[in-house]
Amino acid sequence: MTSEPAKPRYEMVNVRPGHVIVEHDGRSRAVRSYFSAEPSPPVEEYWEGVHVWKHWGTAQSFQFDVLDHATGKTVTFNELLGLLYYGCCQEDSAIRLIGELAHENRISIYIAITYEAPDGTPTRLSRDKLVILNRLFNDRLQASKKKVLILPDLFDLYKTMSYGQIMIDFGLTSMEEGR
């Protein structure tokens, strides 16, 4: 008699496809990004206070919430821009070295990159949310000896990465039960 595997505690829900929009103001050189769930990404120039925001780039993305089956609560992750795989970082960076060491032990390192606040500072993910993300992805791994470690952006990568380099590993995020 074989028993079915236990249902994972966390489940990705309310997945919203859309676009990450990057805008810049030529006078102040300010850059900001946000998520848009519109079918066609907005590209219009507009005034907001002293800024004239112009479209700078667009990337397909999605946002999601996480359902905790143990509590019945849903946790939102609206501040999450994406997960950056360590291999996309500069070769001489600390996170690249850490990632290579972890990879030798079958651990894949990702950095949780968040949107910037209007003043240019990153919105940090709480420790509780990082725990949820790590459990969400690790509970669904098919290879029992492989692990994922999602870290906060303690390296200020959001300042050095172009938004085109922030990637979501679609194999990681699309894992479903039974696959």
Protein backbone atom coordinates (compact mmCIF):
# COMPACT_ATOMS: atom_id res chain seq x y z
CA MET A 1 0.00 0.00 0.00
CA THR A 2 1.46 3.31 -1.04
CA SER A 3 0.43 6.51 0.62
CA GLU A 4 0.08 9.81 -1.17
CA PRO A 5 2.68 12.43 -0.35
CA ALA A 6 1.60 15.01 2.19
CA LYS A 7 0.08 18.16 0.75
CA PRO A 8 2.57 21.04 0.95
CA ARG A 9 1.78 23.61 3.62
CA TYR A 10 2.06 26.54 1.20
CA GLU A 11 0.46 27.03 -2.19
CA MET A 12 0.93 29.82 -4.74
CA VAL A 13 -2.49 31.41 -5.35
CA ASN A 14 -3.97 34.48 -7.02
CA VAL A 15 -1.28 34.44 -9.71
CA ARG A 16 -1.58 37.67 -11.68
CA PRO A 17 0.22 37.88 -15.02
CA GLY A 18 1.40 41.30 -16.05
CA HIS A 19 4.44 43.46 -16.63
CA VAL A 20 7.18 45.13 -14.64
CA ILE A 21 7.28 48.71 -15.89
CA VAL A 22 10.48 50.74 -15.48
CA GLU A 23 10.25 54.52 -15.79
CA HIS A 24 12.76 57.31 -15.49
CA ASP A 25 12.75 61.07 -15.07
CA GLY A 26 15.38 62.66 -17.31
CA ARG A 27 15.87 65.75 -15.16
CA SER A 28 16.38 64.12 -11.77
CA ARG A 29 17.66 60.81 -13.18
CA ALA A 30 15.26 59.04 -10.83
CA VAL A 31 14.24 55.52 -11.81
CA ARG A 32 11.31 53.55 -10.48
CA SER A 33 9.46 50.39 -11.25
CA TYR A 34 6.04 48.95 -10.61
CA PHE A 35 3.85 46.04 -11.56
CA SER A 36 0.97 46.47 -14.01
CA ALA A 37 -1.66 43.79 -14.56
CA GLU A 38 -2.97 45.55 -17.67
CA PRO A 39 -2.97 43.36 -20.82
CA SER A 40 -0.92 45.99 -22.68
CA PRO A 41 1.78 47.67 -20.59
CA PRO A 42 1.43 51.44 -20.20
CA VAL A 43 4.07 53.42 -22.08
CA GLU A 44 2.68 56.96 -21.91
CA GLU A 45 4.74 59.84 -20.55
CA TYR A 46 3.12 61.71 -17.65
CA TRP A 47 3.72 64.40 -15.02
CA GLU A 48 3.70 63.61 -11.31
CA GLY A 49 4.72 66.50 -9.10
CA VAL A 50 8.08 67.77 -10.38
CA HIS A 51 8.81 64.55 -12.30
CA VAL A 52 8.07 63.74 -15.92
CA TRP A 53 8.01 59.94 -15.96
CA LYS A 54 8.96 58.32 -19.25
CA HIS A 55 8.77 54.65 -20.16
CA TRP A 56 12.20 53.03 -20.01
CA GLY A 57 11.48 49.33 -20.25
CA THR A 58 8.99 46.54 -19.80
CA ALA A 59 9.35 42.88 -18.87
CA GLN A 60 6.71 40.19 -18.58
CA SER A 61 6.22 39.07 -15.01
CA PHE A 62 3.61 38.01 -12.52
CA GLN A 63 2.65 38.56 -8.92
CA PHE A 64 1.24 36.02 -6.54
CA ASP A 65 0.02 35.40 -3.02
CA VAL A 66 0.72 32.36 -0.88
CA LEU A 67 -1.98 30.37 0.89
CA ASP A 68 -0.93 28.81 4.20
CA HIS A 69 -2.96 25.61 4.46
CA ALA A 70 -2.15 25.31 8.19
CA THR A 71 -3.72 28.65 9.11
CA GLY A 72 -5.99 29.34 6.14
CA LYS A 73 -4.39 32.79 5.76
CA THR A 74 -3.19 34.24 2.48
CA VAL A 75 0.04 36.24 2.44
CA THR A 76 0.60 38.81 -0.32
CA PHE A 77 3.95 39.35 -2.02
CA ASN A 78 3.21 42.60 -3.87
CA GLU A 79 6.62 44.03 -2.97
CA LEU A 80 8.48 41.19 -4.74
CA LEU A 81 9.88 42.17 -8.14
CA GLY A 82 11.47 38.82 -8.84
CA LEU A 83 13.96 36.18 -7.84
CA LEU A 84 17.50 36.68 -9.05
CA TYR A 85 19.53 33.52 -9.61
CA TYR A 86 23.06 33.87 -8.20
CA GLY A 87 24.55 32.92 -11.59
CA CYS A 88 23.25 36.20 -13.05
CA CYS A 89 25.41 38.23 -10.65
CA GLN A 90 28.83 39.60 -11.49
CA GLU A 91 31.54 36.95 -11.37
CA ASP A 92 33.60 38.77 -8.74
CA SER A 93 30.66 39.49 -6.41
CA ALA A 94 30.21 38.04 -2.93
CA ILE A 95 26.85 36.51 -3.81
CA ARG A 96 28.33 34.75 -6.84
CA LEU A 97 31.02 33.16 -4.62
CA ILE A 98 28.43 32.14 -2.04
CA GLY A 99 26.20 30.75 -4.78
CA GLU A 100 29.00 28.69 -6.31
CA LEU A 101 29.88 27.21 -2.92
CA ALA A 102 26.22 26.41 -2.24
CA HIS A 103 25.77 24.93 -5.73
CA GLU A 104 28.49 22.38 -4.99
CA ASN A 105 26.19 21.20 -2.18
CA ARG A 106 23.09 21.06 -4.42
CA ILE A 107 21.68 24.33 -3.10
CA SER A 108 20.49 26.93 -5.59
CA ILE A 109 20.71 30.49 -4.30
CA TYR A 110 18.18 33.14 -5.32
CA ILE A 111 17.95 36.73 -4.13
CA ALA A 112 14.50 38.23 -3.51
CA ILE A 113 14.59 41.56 -5.32
CA THR A 114 11.88 43.98 -4.24
CA TYR A 115 10.42 47.13 -5.71
CA GLU A 116 11.85 50.46 -4.65
CA ALA A 117 9.90 52.91 -2.53
CA PRO A 118 9.33 56.37 -4.05
CA ASP A 119 12.46 57.62 -2.24
CA GLY A 120 14.61 54.98 -3.97
CA THR A 121 15.06 52.62 -1.02
CA PRO A 122 14.15 48.97 -1.43
CA THR A 123 11.07 47.53 0.20
CA ARG A 124 12.44 44.69 2.32
CA LEU A 125 10.73 41.32 2.65
CA SER A 126 10.13 40.34 6.25
CA ARG A 127 11.84 37.29 7.72
CA ASP A 128 8.44 35.57 7.89
CA LYS A 129 7.85 36.11 4.17
CA LEU A 130 11.32 34.77 3.33
CA VAL A 131 10.59 31.65 5.40
CA ILE A 132 7.33 31.17 3.48
CA LEU A 133 9.02 31.59 0.06
CA ASN A 134 11.75 29.11 0.95
CA ARG A 135 9.27 26.53 2.19
CA LEU A 136 6.94 27.13 -0.79
CA PHE A 137 9.64 26.26 -3.32
CA ASN A 138 11.50 23.58 -1.36
CA ASP A 139 8.38 21.57 -0.57
CA ARG A 140 7.75 21.15 -4.29
CA LEU A 141 11.19 20.06 -5.41
CA GLN A 142 11.20 16.70 -7.16
CA ALA A 143 14.88 15.96 -6.47
CA SER A 144 15.02 15.24 -2.75
CA LYS A 145 18.70 16.12 -2.50
CA LYS A 146 18.30 19.54 -4.09
CA LYS A 147 17.45 22.66 -2.08
CA VAL A 148 16.61 26.25 -2.86
CA LEU A 149 17.71 29.10 -0.62
CA ILE A 150 16.02 32.45 -1.16
CA LEU A 151 17.89 35.28 0.52
CA PRO A 152 16.96 38.90 1.11
CA ASP A 153 18.82 41.50 -0.94
CA LEU A 154 21.44 42.21 1.72
CA PHE A 155 23.87 42.86 -1.12
CA ASP A 156 21.92 45.85 -2.54
CA LEU A 157 21.73 44.12 -5.91
CA TYR A 158 18.66 46.16 -6.76
CA LYS A 159 21.07 49.11 -7.23
CA THR A 160 23.40 47.33 -9.63
CA MET A 161 21.11 45.09 -11.67
CA SER A 162 19.26 46.14 -14.74
CA TYR A 163 15.66 45.04 -14.53
CA GLY A 164 16.24 42.83 -17.54
CA GLN A 165 18.67 40.71 -15.51
CA ILE A 166 16.14 39.90 -12.81
CA MET A 167 14.83 36.54 -13.75
CA ILE A 168 12.32 34.13 -12.44
CA ASP A 169 13.25 30.50 -12.92
CA PHE A 170 10.03 29.36 -14.57
CA GLY A 171 10.75 25.72 -13.75
CA LEU A 172 11.02 26.70 -10.10
CA THR A 173 7.85 28.77 -9.97
CA SER A 174 5.69 26.49 -12.06
CA MET A 175 6.22 23.35 -10.02
CA GLU A 176 2.92 21.63 -9.39
CA GLU A 177 2.05 18.61 -7.34
CA GLY A 178 2.44 15.38 -9.25
CA ARG A 179 4.82 16.71 -11.87
